[in-house]
Amino acid sequence: MVDYPGEVSLKQIYGTYNRAVLKVVPSLRAYAEPLTDAMVAFYLASQKCFTTDVQAHYVYSPRELTRWVRGIYEAIQPLEVLPIEGLVRVWAHEALLLFQDRLVNERKDIGRMKT
């Protein structure tokens, strides 16, 4: 049985994806590493807090990160210019679609994430 990649490997894999995605908007290329670090940190924190012990459907795999990168790409691909604030908004929007929609009890689950 092979486990999912660790933090270092996830950063390497999704850093490569994010660098490719951000080539679409050249002014954002410098943000690939911080974007990747934030994505991986959020993913790992969610994976740690929301386990199948809490709810059976809280199953996390690197597919969530792949979907996140793809969602960002699809949102920024038609744009020629996007300020960093716009990238952050797209990043957060896609994260909400992937992670918040799974929560059974938003208030209780968000409280779990803060601790």
PDB file of N, CA and C in Angstrom:
ATOM      1  N   MET A   1       0.842  -1.171   0.000  1.00  0.00           N
ATOM      2  CA  MET A   1       0.000   0.000   0.000  1.00  0.00           C
ATOM      3  C   MET A   1       0.892   1.240   0.000  1.00  0.00           C
ATOM      4  N   VAL A   2       0.633   2.143  -0.899  1.00  0.00           N
ATOM      5  CA  VAL A   2       1.405   3.368  -1.006  1.00  0.00           C
ATOM      6  C   VAL A   2       0.560   4.517  -0.480  1.00  0.00           C
ATOM      7  N   ASP A   3       1.142   5.304   0.409  1.00  0.00           N
ATOM      8  CA  ASP A   3       0.422   6.434   0.994  1.00  0.00           C
ATOM      9  C   ASP A   3       0.509   7.642   0.059  1.00  0.00           C
ATOM     10  N   TYR A   4      -0.298   8.651   0.345  1.00  0.00           N
ATOM     11  CA  TYR A   4      -0.254   9.891  -0.428  1.00  0.00           C
ATOM     12  C   TYR A   4       1.067  10.612  -0.186  1.00  0.00           C
ATOM     13  N   PRO A   5       1.458  11.474  -1.119  1.00  0.00           N
ATOM     14  CA  PRO A   5       2.714  12.208  -0.945  1.00  0.00           C
ATOM     15  C   PRO A   5       2.664  13.118   0.282  1.00  0.00           C
ATOM     16  N   GLY A   6       3.818  13.364   0.859  1.00  0.00           N
ATOM     17  CA  GLY A   6       3.937  14.256   2.009  1.00  0.00           C
ATOM     18  C   GLY A   6       3.977  15.716   1.588  1.00  0.00           C
ATOM     19  N   GLU A   7       4.164  16.586   2.560  1.00  0.00           N
ATOM     20  CA  GLU A   7       4.128  18.030   2.326  1.00  0.00           C
ATOM     21  C   GLU A   7       5.158  18.483   1.294  1.00  0.00           C
ATOM     22  N   VAL A   8       6.383  18.010   1.421  1.00  0.00           N
ATOM     23  CA  VAL A   8       7.443  18.431   0.497  1.00  0.00           C
ATOM     24  C   VAL A   8       7.103  18.014  -0.930  1.00  0.00           C
ATOM     25  N   SER A   9       6.662  16.783  -1.090  1.00  0.00           N
ATOM     26  CA  SER A   9       6.305  16.296  -2.427  1.00  0.00           C
ATOM     27  C   SER A   9       5.098  17.043  -2.987  1.00  0.00           C
ATOM     28  N   LEU A  10       4.107  17.305  -2.141  1.00  0.00           N
ATOM     29  CA  LEU A  10       2.931  18.053  -2.602  1.00  0.00           C
ATOM     30  C   LEU A  10       3.322  19.448  -3.077  1.00  0.00           C
ATOM     31  N   LYS A  11       4.223  20.091  -2.338  1.00  0.00           N
ATOM     32  CA  LYS A  11       4.672  21.429  -2.750  1.00  0.00           C
ATOM     33  C   LYS A  11       5.422  21.373  -4.076  1.00  0.00           C
ATOM     34  N   GLN A  12       6.202  20.332  -4.269  1.00  0.00           N
ATOM     35  CA  GLN A  12       6.942  20.196  -5.522  1.00  0.00           C
ATOM     36  C   GLN A  12       5.978  19.948  -6.685  1.00  0.00           C
ATOM     37  N   ILE A  13       5.047  19.031  -6.494  1.00  0.00           N
ATOM     38  CA  ILE A  13       4.096  18.687  -7.550  1.00  0.00           C
ATOM     39  C   ILE A  13       3.213  19.872  -7.902  1.00  0.00           C
ATOM     40  N   TYR A  14       2.577  20.457  -6.883  1.00  0.00           N
ATOM     41  CA  TYR A  14       1.617  21.525  -7.159  1.00  0.00           C
ATOM     42  C   TYR A  14       2.286  22.860  -7.424  1.00  0.00           C
ATOM     43  N   GLY A  15       3.546  22.997  -7.016  1.00  0.00           N
ATOM     44  CA  GLY A  15       4.321  24.173  -7.412  1.00  0.00           C
ATOM     45  C   GLY A  15       4.541  24.164  -8.918  1.00  0.00           C
ATOM     46  N   THR A  16       4.819  22.991  -9.458  1.00  0.00           N
ATOM     47  CA  THR A  16       4.988  22.849 -10.909  1.00  0.00           C
ATOM     48  C   THR A  16       3.693  23.202 -11.633  1.00  0.00           C
ATOM     49  N   TYR A  17       2.578  22.683 -11.136  1.00  0.00           N
ATOM     50  CA  TYR A  17       1.277  23.003 -11.739  1.00  0.00           C
ATOM     51  C   TYR A  17       0.989  24.506 -11.653  1.00  0.00           C
ATOM     52  N   ASN A  18       1.213  25.098 -10.484  1.00  0.00           N
ATOM     53  CA  ASN A  18       0.895  26.511 -10.312  1.00  0.00           C
ATOM     54  C   ASN A  18       1.784  27.403 -11.167  1.00  0.00           C
ATOM     55  N   ARG A  19       3.046  27.041 -11.319  1.00  0.00           N
ATOM     56  CA  ARG A  19       3.907  27.833 -12.206  1.00  0.00           C
ATOM     57  C   ARG A  19       3.371  27.798 -13.638  1.00  0.00           C
ATOM     58  N   ALA A  20       2.916  26.639 -14.068  1.00  0.00           N
ATOM     59  CA  ALA A  20       2.355  26.519 -15.420  1.00  0.00           C
ATOM     60  C   ALA A  20       1.058  27.316 -15.549  1.00  0.00           C
ATOM     61  N   VAL A  21       0.212  27.237 -14.541  1.00  0.00           N
ATOM     62  CA  VAL A  21      -1.068  27.951 -14.573  1.00  0.00           C
ATOM     63  C   VAL A  21      -0.842  29.456 -14.598  1.00  0.00           C
ATOM     64  N   LEU A  22       0.081  29.942 -13.801  1.00  0.00           N
ATOM     65  CA  LEU A  22       0.292  31.386 -13.702  1.00  0.00           C
ATOM     66  C   LEU A  22       1.032  31.970 -14.905  1.00  0.00           C
ATOM     67  N   LYS A  23       1.505  31.137 -15.811  1.00  0.00           N
ATOM     68  CA  LYS A  23       2.073  31.650 -17.060  1.00  0.00           C
ATOM     69  C   LYS A  23       1.006  32.336 -17.900  1.00  0.00           C
ATOM     70  N   VAL A  24      -0.253  32.002 -17.641  1.00  0.00           N
ATOM     71  CA  VAL A  24      -1.367  32.603 -18.373  1.00  0.00           C
ATOM     72  C   VAL A  24      -1.430  34.110 -18.113  1.00  0.00           C
ATOM     73  N   VAL A  25      -1.128  34.508 -16.889  1.00  0.00           N
ATOM     74  CA  VAL A  25      -1.100  35.929 -16.510  1.00  0.00           C
ATOM     75  C   VAL A  25       0.326  36.217 -16.035  1.00  0.00           C
ATOM     76  N   PRO A  26       1.182  36.666 -16.934  1.00  0.00           N
ATOM     77  CA  PRO A  26       2.607  36.817 -16.621  1.00  0.00           C
ATOM     78  C   PRO A  26       2.914  37.651 -15.370  1.00  0.00           C
ATOM     79  N   SER A  27       2.102  38.628 -15.054  1.00  0.00           N
ATOM     80  CA  SER A  27       2.374  39.469 -13.880  1.00  0.00           C
ATOM     81  C   SER A  27       2.224  38.702 -12.569  1.00  0.00           C
ATOM     82  N   LEU A  28       1.622  37.516 -12.607  1.00  0.00           N
ATOM     83  CA  LEU A  28       1.398  36.730 -11.393  1.00  0.00           C
ATOM     84  C   LEU A  28       2.395  35.582 -11.208  1.00  0.00           C
ATOM     85  N   ARG A  29       3.316  35.434 -12.128  1.00  0.00           N
ATOM     86  CA  ARG A  29       4.256  34.300 -12.076  1.00  0.00           C
ATOM     87  C   ARG A  29       5.012  34.228 -10.751  1.00  0.00           C
ATOM     88  N   ALA A  30       5.350  35.364 -10.186  1.00  0.00           N
ATOM     89  CA  ALA A  30       6.134  35.396  -8.945  1.00  0.00           C
ATOM     90  C   ALA A  30       5.366  34.843  -7.752  1.00  0.00           C
ATOM     91  N   TYR A  31       4.078  34.676  -7.893  1.00  0.00           N
ATOM     92  CA  TYR A  31       3.248  34.232  -6.769  1.00  0.00           C
ATOM     93  C   TYR A  31       2.996  32.723  -6.759  1.00  0.00           C
ATOM     94  N   ALA A  32       3.635  31.994  -7.626  1.00  0.00           N
ATOM     95  CA  ALA A  32       3.408  30.543  -7.693  1.00  0.00           C
ATOM     96  C   ALA A  32       3.802  29.846  -6.394  1.00  0.00           C
ATOM     97  N   GLU A  33       4.948  30.192  -5.836  1.00  0.00           N
ATOM     98  CA  GLU A  33       5.393  29.516  -4.614  1.00  0.00           C
ATOM     99  C   GLU A  33       4.516  29.855  -3.407  1.00  0.00           C
ATOM    100  N   PRO A  34       4.221  31.139  -3.140  1.00  0.00           N
ATOM    101  CA  PRO A  34       3.334  31.424  -2.003  1.00  0.00           C
ATOM    102  C   PRO A  34       1.936  30.826  -2.186  1.00  0.00           C
ATOM    103  N   LEU A  35       1.460  30.805  -3.415  1.00  0.00           N
ATOM    104  CA  LEU A  35       0.158  30.208  -3.702  1.00  0.00           C
ATOM    105  C   LEU A  35       0.182  28.718  -3.376  1.00  0.00           C
ATOM    106  N   THR A  36       1.222  28.045  -3.790  1.00  0.00           N
ATOM    107  CA  THR A  36       1.375  26.617  -3.529  1.00  0.00           C
ATOM    108  C   THR A  36       1.493  26.342  -2.033  1.00  0.00           C
ATOM    109  N   ASP A  37       2.316  27.129  -1.347  1.00  0.00           N
ATOM    110  CA  ASP A  37       2.490  26.937   0.096  1.00  0.00           C
ATOM    111  C   ASP A  37       1.165  27.072   0.831  1.00  0.00           C
ATOM    112  N   ALA A  38       0.382  28.075   0.457  1.00  0.00           N
ATOM    113  CA  ALA A  38      -0.920  28.293   1.108  1.00  0.00           C
ATOM    114  C   ALA A  38      -1.891  27.156   0.798  1.00  0.00           C
ATOM    115  N   MET A  39      -1.887  26.689  -0.438  1.00  0.00           N
ATOM    116  CA  MET A  39      -2.777  25.591  -0.828  1.00  0.00           C
ATOM    117  C   MET A  39      -2.454  24.318  -0.054  1.00  0.00           C
ATOM    118  N   VAL A  40      -1.195  23.980  -0.015  1.00  0.00           N
ATOM    119  CA  VAL A  40      -0.781  22.742   0.655  1.00  0.00           C
ATOM    120  C   VAL A  40      -1.029  22.849   2.163  1.00  0.00           C
ATOM    121  N   ALA A  41      -0.728  23.995   2.750  1.00  0.00           N
ATOM    122  CA  ALA A  41      -0.961  24.170   4.186  1.00  0.00           C
ATOM    123  C   ALA A  41      -2.444  24.040   4.516  1.00  0.00           C
ATOM    124  N   PHE A  42      -3.294  24.657   3.713  1.00  0.00           N
ATOM    125  CA  PHE A  42      -4.737  24.570   3.958  1.00  0.00           C
ATOM    126  C   PHE A  42      -5.233  23.138   3.768  1.00  0.00           C
ATOM    127  N   TYR A  43      -4.780  22.490   2.725  1.00  0.00           N
ATOM    128  CA  TYR A  43      -5.170  21.101   2.456  1.00  0.00           C
ATOM    129  C   TYR A  43      -4.777  20.191   3.619  1.00  0.00           C
ATOM    130  N   LEU A  44      -3.536  20.307   4.081  1.00  0.00           N
ATOM    131  CA  LEU A  44      -3.068  19.452   5.174  1.00  0.00           C
ATOM    132  C   LEU A  44      -3.809  19.737   6.477  1.00  0.00           C
ATOM    133  N   ALA A  45      -4.110  21.007   6.734  1.00  0.00           N
ATOM    134  CA  ALA A  45      -4.870  21.354   7.942  1.00  0.00           C
ATOM    135  C   ALA A  45      -6.280  20.780   7.866  1.00  0.00           C
ATOM    136  N   SER A  46      -6.902  20.870   6.708  1.00  0.00           N
ATOM    137  CA  SER A  46      -8.249  20.305   6.525  1.00  0.00           C
ATOM    138  C   SER A  46      -8.224  18.794   6.687  1.00  0.00           C
ATOM    139  N   GLN A  47      -7.235  18.170   6.112  1.00  0.00           N
ATOM    140  CA  GLN A  47      -7.103  16.719   6.185  1.00  0.00           C
ATOM    141  C   GLN A  47      -6.920  16.260   7.637  1.00  0.00           C
ATOM    142  N   LYS A  48      -6.191  17.053   8.407  1.00  0.00           N
ATOM    143  CA  LYS A  48      -5.938  16.716   9.806  1.00  0.00           C
ATOM    144  C   LYS A  48      -7.183  16.923  10.671  1.00  0.00           C
ATOM    145  N   CYS A  49      -7.907  18.005  10.433  1.00  0.00           N
ATOM    146  CA  CYS A  49      -9.083  18.339  11.257  1.00  0.00           C
ATOM    147  C   CYS A  49     -10.318  17.521  10.905  1.00  0.00           C
ATOM    148  N   PHE A  50     -10.519  17.292   9.637  1.00  0.00           N
ATOM    149  CA  PHE A  50     -11.748  16.651   9.175  1.00  0.00           C
ATOM    150  C   PHE A  50     -11.430  15.246   8.683  1.00  0.00           C
ATOM    151  N   THR A  51     -11.598  14.301   9.578  1.00  0.00           N
ATOM    152  CA  THR A  51     -11.261  12.912   9.278  1.00  0.00           C
ATOM    153  C   THR A  51     -12.531  12.086   9.123  1.00  0.00           C
ATOM    154  N   THR A  52     -12.364  10.885   8.651  1.00  0.00           N
ATOM    155  CA  THR A  52     -13.514   9.994   8.510  1.00  0.00           C
ATOM    156  C   THR A  52     -14.073   9.581   9.866  1.00  0.00           C
ATOM    157  N   ASP A  53     -13.324   9.792  10.937  1.00  0.00           N
ATOM    158  CA  ASP A  53     -13.846   9.548  12.285  1.00  0.00           C
ATOM    159  C   ASP A  53     -14.952  10.543  12.633  1.00  0.00           C
ATOM    160  N   VAL A  54     -14.863  11.750  12.080  1.00  0.00           N
ATOM    161  CA  VAL A  54     -15.861  12.792  12.326  1.00  0.00           C
ATOM    162  C   VAL A  54     -17.075  12.581  11.427  1.00  0.00           C
ATOM    163  N   GLN A  55     -16.836  12.426  10.139  1.00  0.00           N
ATOM    164  CA  GLN A  55     -17.884  12.175   9.148  1.00  0.00           C
ATOM    165  C   GLN A  55     -17.304  11.243   8.082  1.00  0.00           C
ATOM    166  N   ALA A  56     -18.087  10.296   7.653  1.00  0.00           N
ATOM    167  CA  ALA A  56     -17.601   9.301   6.695  1.00  0.00           C
ATOM    168  C   ALA A  56     -17.150   9.913   5.367  1.00  0.00           C
ATOM    169  N   HIS A  57     -17.725  11.030   4.983  1.00  0.00           N
ATOM    170  CA  HIS A  57     -17.385  11.618   3.681  1.00  0.00           C
ATOM    171  C   HIS A  57     -16.206  12.595   3.748  1.00  0.00           C
ATOM    172  N   TYR A  58     -15.591  12.764   4.904  1.00  0.00           N
ATOM    173  CA  TYR A  58     -14.412  13.626   5.013  1.00  0.00           C
ATOM    174  C   TYR A  58     -13.165  12.849   4.568  1.00  0.00           C
ATOM    175  N   VAL A  59     -13.123  12.529   3.300  1.00  0.00           N
ATOM    176  CA  VAL A  59     -11.992  11.822   2.712  1.00  0.00           C
ATOM    177  C   VAL A  59     -11.238  12.828   1.846  1.00  0.00           C
ATOM    178  N   TYR A  60      -9.968  13.000   2.144  1.00  0.00           N
ATOM    179  CA  TYR A  60      -9.146  13.945   1.394  1.00  0.00           C
ATOM    180  C   TYR A  60      -8.038  13.205   0.665  1.00  0.00           C
ATOM    181  N   SER A  61      -7.802  13.619  -0.559  1.00  0.00           N
ATOM    182  CA  SER A  61      -6.699  13.089  -1.341  1.00  0.00           C
ATOM    183  C   SER A  61      -6.121  14.252  -2.148  1.00  0.00           C
ATOM    184  N   PRO A  62      -4.959  14.055  -2.738  1.00  0.00           N
ATOM    185  CA  PRO A  62      -4.389  15.123  -3.563  1.00  0.00           C
ATOM    186  C   PRO A  62      -5.291  15.546  -4.722  1.00  0.00           C
ATOM    187  N   ARG A  63      -6.320  14.776  -5.004  1.00  0.00           N
ATOM    188  CA  ARG A  63      -7.255  15.197  -6.058  1.00  0.00           C
ATOM    189  C   ARG A  63      -7.875  16.555  -5.736  1.00  0.00           C
ATOM    190  N   GLU A  64      -8.068  16.839  -4.450  1.00  0.00           N
ATOM    191  CA  GLU A  64      -8.614  18.145  -4.078  1.00  0.00           C
ATOM    192  C   GLU A  64      -7.682  19.265  -4.533  1.00  0.00           C
ATOM    193  N   LEU A  65      -6.384  19.064  -4.354  1.00  0.00           N
ATOM    194  CA  LEU A  65      -5.432  20.074  -4.814  1.00  0.00           C
ATOM    195  C   LEU A  65      -5.450  20.194  -6.334  1.00  0.00           C
ATOM    196  N   THR A  66      -5.573  19.076  -7.017  1.00  0.00           N
ATOM    197  CA  THR A  66      -5.643  19.103  -8.478  1.00  0.00           C
ATOM    198  C   THR A  66      -6.888  19.848  -8.935  1.00  0.00           C
ATOM    199  N   ARG A  67      -8.007  19.573  -8.311  1.00  0.00           N
ATOM    200  CA  ARG A  67      -9.246  20.294  -8.653  1.00  0.00           C
ATOM    201  C   ARG A  67      -9.110  21.783  -8.369  1.00  0.00           C
ATOM    202  N   TRP A  68      -8.427  22.112  -7.281  1.00  0.00           N
ATOM    203  CA  TRP A  68      -8.221  23.510  -6.906  1.00  0.00           C
ATOM    204  C   TRP A  68      -7.396  24.230  -7.966  1.00  0.00           C
ATOM    205  N   VAL A  69      -6.292  23.632  -8.382  1.00  0.00           N
ATOM    206  CA  VAL A  69      -5.444  24.229  -9.418  1.00  0.00           C
ATOM    207  C   VAL A  69      -6.227  24.371 -10.719  1.00  0.00           C
ATOM    208  N   ARG A  70      -6.969  23.348 -11.062  1.00  0.00           N
ATOM    209  CA  ARG A  70      -7.750  23.388 -12.302  1.00  0.00           C
ATOM    210  C   ARG A  70      -8.806  24.495 -12.258  1.00  0.00           C
ATOM    211  N   GLY A  71      -9.467  24.644 -11.121  1.00  0.00           N
ATOM    212  CA  GLY A  71     -10.462  25.705 -10.971  1.00  0.00           C
ATOM    213  C   GLY A  71      -9.846  27.086 -11.120  1.00  0.00           C
ATOM    214  N   ILE A  72      -8.667  27.270 -10.536  1.00  0.00           N
ATOM    215  CA  ILE A  72      -7.966  28.553 -10.670  1.00  0.00           C
ATOM    216  C   ILE A  72      -7.614  28.797 -12.134  1.00  0.00           C
ATOM    217  N   TYR A  73      -7.100  27.773 -12.789  1.00  0.00           N
ATOM    218  CA  TYR A  73      -6.738  27.913 -14.198  1.00  0.00           C
ATOM    219  C   TYR A  73      -7.945  28.291 -15.053  1.00  0.00           C
ATOM    220  N   GLU A  74      -9.044  27.596 -14.856  1.00  0.00           N
ATOM    221  CA  GLU A  74     -10.232  27.880 -15.656  1.00  0.00           C
ATOM    222  C   GLU A  74     -10.758  29.294 -15.416  1.00  0.00           C
ATOM    223  N   ALA A  75     -10.571  29.796 -14.206  1.00  0.00           N
ATOM    224  CA  ALA A  75     -11.038  31.149 -13.898  1.00  0.00           C
ATOM    225  C   ALA A  75     -10.137  32.228 -14.496  1.00  0.00           C
ATOM    226  N   ILE A  76      -8.829  31.996 -14.507  1.00  0.00           N
ATOM    227  CA  ILE A  76      -7.926  33.057 -14.967  1.00  0.00           C
ATOM    228  C   ILE A  76      -7.520  32.908 -16.427  1.00  0.00           C
ATOM    229  N   GLN A  77      -7.759  31.756 -17.024  1.00  0.00           N
ATOM    230  CA  GLN A  77      -7.324  31.489 -18.393  1.00  0.00           C
ATOM    231  C   GLN A  77      -7.815  32.516 -19.405  1.00  0.00           C
ATOM    232  N   PRO A  78      -9.068  32.967 -19.348  1.00  0.00           N
ATOM    233  CA  PRO A  78      -9.496  33.947 -20.354  1.00  0.00           C
ATOM    234  C   PRO A  78      -9.003  35.378 -20.088  1.00  0.00           C
ATOM    235  N   LEU A  79      -8.350  35.607 -18.967  1.00  0.00           N
ATOM    236  CA  LEU A  79      -7.934  36.956 -18.590  1.00  0.00           C
ATOM    237  C   LEU A  79      -6.525  37.252 -19.072  1.00  0.00           C
ATOM    238  N   GLU A  80      -6.299  38.495 -19.448  1.00  0.00           N
ATOM    239  CA  GLU A  80      -4.956  38.913 -19.814  1.00  0.00           C
ATOM    240  C   GLU A  80      -4.264  39.596 -18.641  1.00  0.00           C
ATOM    241  N   VAL A  81      -5.070  40.252 -17.811  1.00  0.00           N
ATOM    242  CA  VAL A  81      -4.543  40.969 -16.656  1.00  0.00           C
ATOM    243  C   VAL A  81      -5.377  40.605 -15.447  1.00  0.00           C
ATOM    244  N   LEU A  82      -4.706  40.378 -14.321  1.00  0.00           N
ATOM    245  CA  LEU A  82      -5.391  40.079 -13.075  1.00  0.00           C
ATOM    246  C   LEU A  82      -4.504  40.558 -11.936  1.00  0.00           C
ATOM    247  N   PRO A  83      -5.010  41.441 -11.080  1.00  0.00           N
ATOM    248  CA  PRO A  83      -4.191  41.865  -9.937  1.00  0.00           C
ATOM    249  C   PRO A  83      -4.080  40.724  -8.923  1.00  0.00           C
ATOM    250  N   ILE A  84      -3.120  40.822  -8.032  1.00  0.00           N
ATOM    251  CA  ILE A  84      -2.916  39.784  -7.028  1.00  0.00           C
ATOM    252  C   ILE A  84      -4.166  39.609  -6.165  1.00  0.00           C
ATOM    253  N   GLU A  85      -4.882  40.681  -5.915  1.00  0.00           N
ATOM    254  CA  GLU A  85      -6.117  40.588  -5.132  1.00  0.00           C
ATOM    255  C   GLU A  85      -7.135  39.695  -5.834  1.00  0.00           C
ATOM    256  N   GLY A  86      -7.167  39.775  -7.143  1.00  0.00           N
ATOM    257  CA  GLY A  86      -8.067  38.929  -7.928  1.00  0.00           C
ATOM    258  C   GLY A  86      -7.680  37.468  -7.838  1.00  0.00           C
ATOM    259  N   LEU A  87      -6.369  37.203  -7.856  1.00  0.00           N
ATOM    260  CA  LEU A  87      -5.902  35.825  -7.711  1.00  0.00           C
ATOM    261  C   LEU A  87      -6.278  35.270  -6.341  1.00  0.00           C
ATOM    262  N   VAL A  88      -6.122  36.078  -5.316  1.00  0.00           N
ATOM    263  CA  VAL A  88      -6.481  35.638  -3.963  1.00  0.00           C
ATOM    264  C   VAL A  88      -7.976  35.346  -3.881  1.00  0.00           C
ATOM    265  N   ARG A  89      -8.773  36.170  -4.517  1.00  0.00           N
ATOM    266  CA  ARG A  89     -10.229  35.932  -4.509  1.00  0.00           C
ATOM    267  C   ARG A  89     -10.587  34.634  -5.236  1.00  0.00           C
ATOM    268  N   VAL A  90      -9.958  34.395  -6.368  1.00  0.00           N
ATOM    269  CA  VAL A  90     -10.197  33.156  -7.114  1.00  0.00           C
ATOM    270  C   VAL A  90      -9.744  31.961  -6.267  1.00  0.00           C
ATOM    271  N   TRP A  91      -8.576  32.088  -5.647  1.00  0.00           N
ATOM    272  CA  TRP A  91      -8.031  31.035  -4.790  1.00  0.00           C
ATOM    273  C   TRP A  91      -9.028  30.700  -3.676  1.00  0.00           C
ATOM    274  N   ALA A  92      -9.521  31.717  -3.004  1.00  0.00           N
ATOM    275  CA  ALA A  92     -10.459  31.507  -1.891  1.00  0.00           C
ATOM    276  C   ALA A  92     -11.789  30.947  -2.388  1.00  0.00           C
ATOM    277  N   HIS A  93     -12.272  31.448  -3.506  1.00  0.00           N
ATOM    278  CA  HIS A  93     -13.541  30.966  -4.059  1.00  0.00           C
ATOM    279  C   HIS A  93     -13.467  29.470  -4.373  1.00  0.00           C
ATOM    280  N   GLU A  94     -12.405  29.070  -5.023  1.00  0.00           N
ATOM    281  CA  GLU A  94     -12.237  27.655  -5.365  1.00  0.00           C
ATOM    282  C   GLU A  94     -12.084  26.797  -4.108  1.00  0.00           C
ATOM    283  N   ALA A  95     -11.399  27.329  -3.100  1.00  0.00           N
ATOM    284  CA  ALA A  95     -11.257  26.594  -1.833  1.00  0.00           C
ATOM    285  C   ALA A  95     -12.618  26.386  -1.181  1.00  0.00           C
ATOM    286  N   LEU A  96     -13.449  27.409  -1.199  1.00  0.00           N
ATOM    287  CA  LEU A  96     -14.794  27.273  -0.625  1.00  0.00           C
ATOM    288  C   LEU A  96     -15.596  26.209  -1.362  1.00  0.00           C
ATOM    289  N   LEU A  97     -15.494  26.196  -2.664  1.00  0.00           N
ATOM    290  CA  LEU A  97     -16.224  25.190  -3.439  1.00  0.00           C
ATOM    291  C   LEU A  97     -15.792  23.778  -3.083  1.00  0.00           C
ATOM    292  N   LEU A  98     -14.501  23.598  -2.889  1.00  0.00           N
ATOM    293  CA  LEU A  98     -13.976  22.253  -2.627  1.00  0.00           C
ATOM    294  C   LEU A  98     -14.117  21.806  -1.178  1.00  0.00           C
ATOM    295  N   PHE A  99     -13.909  22.713  -0.247  1.00  0.00           N
ATOM    296  CA  PHE A  99     -13.815  22.315   1.148  1.00  0.00           C
ATOM    297  C   PHE A  99     -15.053  22.672   1.978  1.00  0.00           C
ATOM    298  N   GLN A 100     -15.573  23.862   1.829  1.00  0.00           N
ATOM    299  CA  GLN A 100     -16.704  24.267   2.655  1.00  0.00           C
ATOM    300  C   GLN A 100     -17.971  23.488   2.324  1.00  0.00           C
ATOM    301  N   ASP A 101     -18.149  23.154   1.071  1.00  0.00           N
ATOM    302  CA  ASP A 101     -19.356  22.434   0.674  1.00  0.00           C
ATOM    303  C   ASP A 101     -19.453  21.048   1.311  1.00  0.00           C
ATOM    304  N   ARG A 102     -18.358  20.521   1.812  1.00  0.00           N
ATOM    305  CA  ARG A 102     -18.375  19.215   2.471  1.00  0.00           C
ATOM    306  C   ARG A 102     -18.853  19.277   3.917  1.00  0.00           C
ATOM    307  N   LEU A 103     -18.733  20.440   4.513  1.00  0.00           N
ATOM    308  CA  LEU A 103     -18.999  20.546   5.949  1.00  0.00           C
ATOM    309  C   LEU A 103     -20.443  20.219   6.268  1.00  0.00           C
ATOM    310  N   VAL A 104     -20.628  19.433   7.295  1.00  0.00           N
ATOM    311  CA  VAL A 104     -21.962  19.038   7.725  1.00  0.00           C
ATOM    312  C   VAL A 104     -22.588  20.136   8.572  1.00  0.00           C
ATOM    313  N   ASN A 105     -21.799  20.668   9.491  1.00  0.00           N
ATOM    314  CA  ASN A 105     -22.265  21.705  10.393  1.00  0.00           C
ATOM    315  C   ASN A 105     -21.236  22.821  10.342  1.00  0.00           C
ATOM    316  N   GLU A 106     -21.523  23.860   9.579  1.00  0.00           N
ATOM    317  CA  GLU A 106     -20.533  24.896   9.309  1.00  0.00           C
ATOM    318  C   GLU A 106     -19.977  25.504  10.586  1.00  0.00           C
ATOM    319  N   ARG A 107     -20.821  25.887  11.504  1.00  0.00           N
ATOM    320  CA  ARG A 107     -20.352  26.559  12.721  1.00  0.00           C
ATOM    321  C   ARG A 107     -19.432  25.636  13.524  1.00  0.00           C
ATOM    322  N   LYS A 108     -19.848  24.418  13.733  1.00  0.00           N
ATOM    323  CA  LYS A 108     -19.075  23.460  14.518  1.00  0.00           C
ATOM    324  C   LYS A 108     -17.773  23.103  13.796  1.00  0.00           C
ATOM    325  N   ASP A 109     -17.850  22.864  12.500  1.00  0.00           N
ATOM    326  CA  ASP A 109     -16.669  22.460  11.743  1.00  0.00           C
ATOM    327  C   ASP A 109     -15.657  23.591  11.610  1.00  0.00           C
ATOM    328  N   ILE A 110     -16.110  24.804  11.389  1.00  0.00           N
ATOM    329  CA  ILE A 110     -15.189  25.936  11.283  1.00  0.00           C
ATOM    330  C   ILE A 110     -14.501  26.142  12.625  1.00  0.00           C
ATOM    331  N   GLY A 111     -15.220  25.975  13.722  1.00  0.00           N
ATOM    332  CA  GLY A 111     -14.613  26.071  15.043  1.00  0.00           C
ATOM    333  C   GLY A 111     -13.516  25.044  15.233  1.00  0.00           C
ATOM    334  N   ARG A 112     -13.686  23.865  14.702  1.00  0.00           N
ATOM    335  CA  ARG A 112     -12.688  22.800  14.785  1.00  0.00           C
ATOM    336  C   ARG A 112     -11.422  23.230  14.021  1.00  0.00           C
ATOM    337  N   MET A 113     -11.595  23.892  12.913  1.00  0.00           N
ATOM    338  CA  MET A 113     -10.468  24.296  12.080  1.00  0.00           C
ATOM    339  C   MET A 113      -9.633  25.377  12.780  1.00  0.00           C
ATOM    340  N   LYS A 114     -10.269  26.235  13.573  1.00  0.00           N
ATOM    341  CA  LYS A 114      -9.565  27.336  14.233  1.00  0.00           C
ATOM    342  C   LYS A 114      -8.699  26.851  15.374  1.00  0.00           C
ATOM    343  N   THR A 115      -9.025  25.706  15.959  1.00  0.00           N
ATOM    344  CA  THR A 115      -8.239  25.235  17.109  1.00  0.00           C
ATOM    345  C   THR A 115      -7.024  24.468  16.712  1.00  0.00           C
TER     346      THR A 115
END
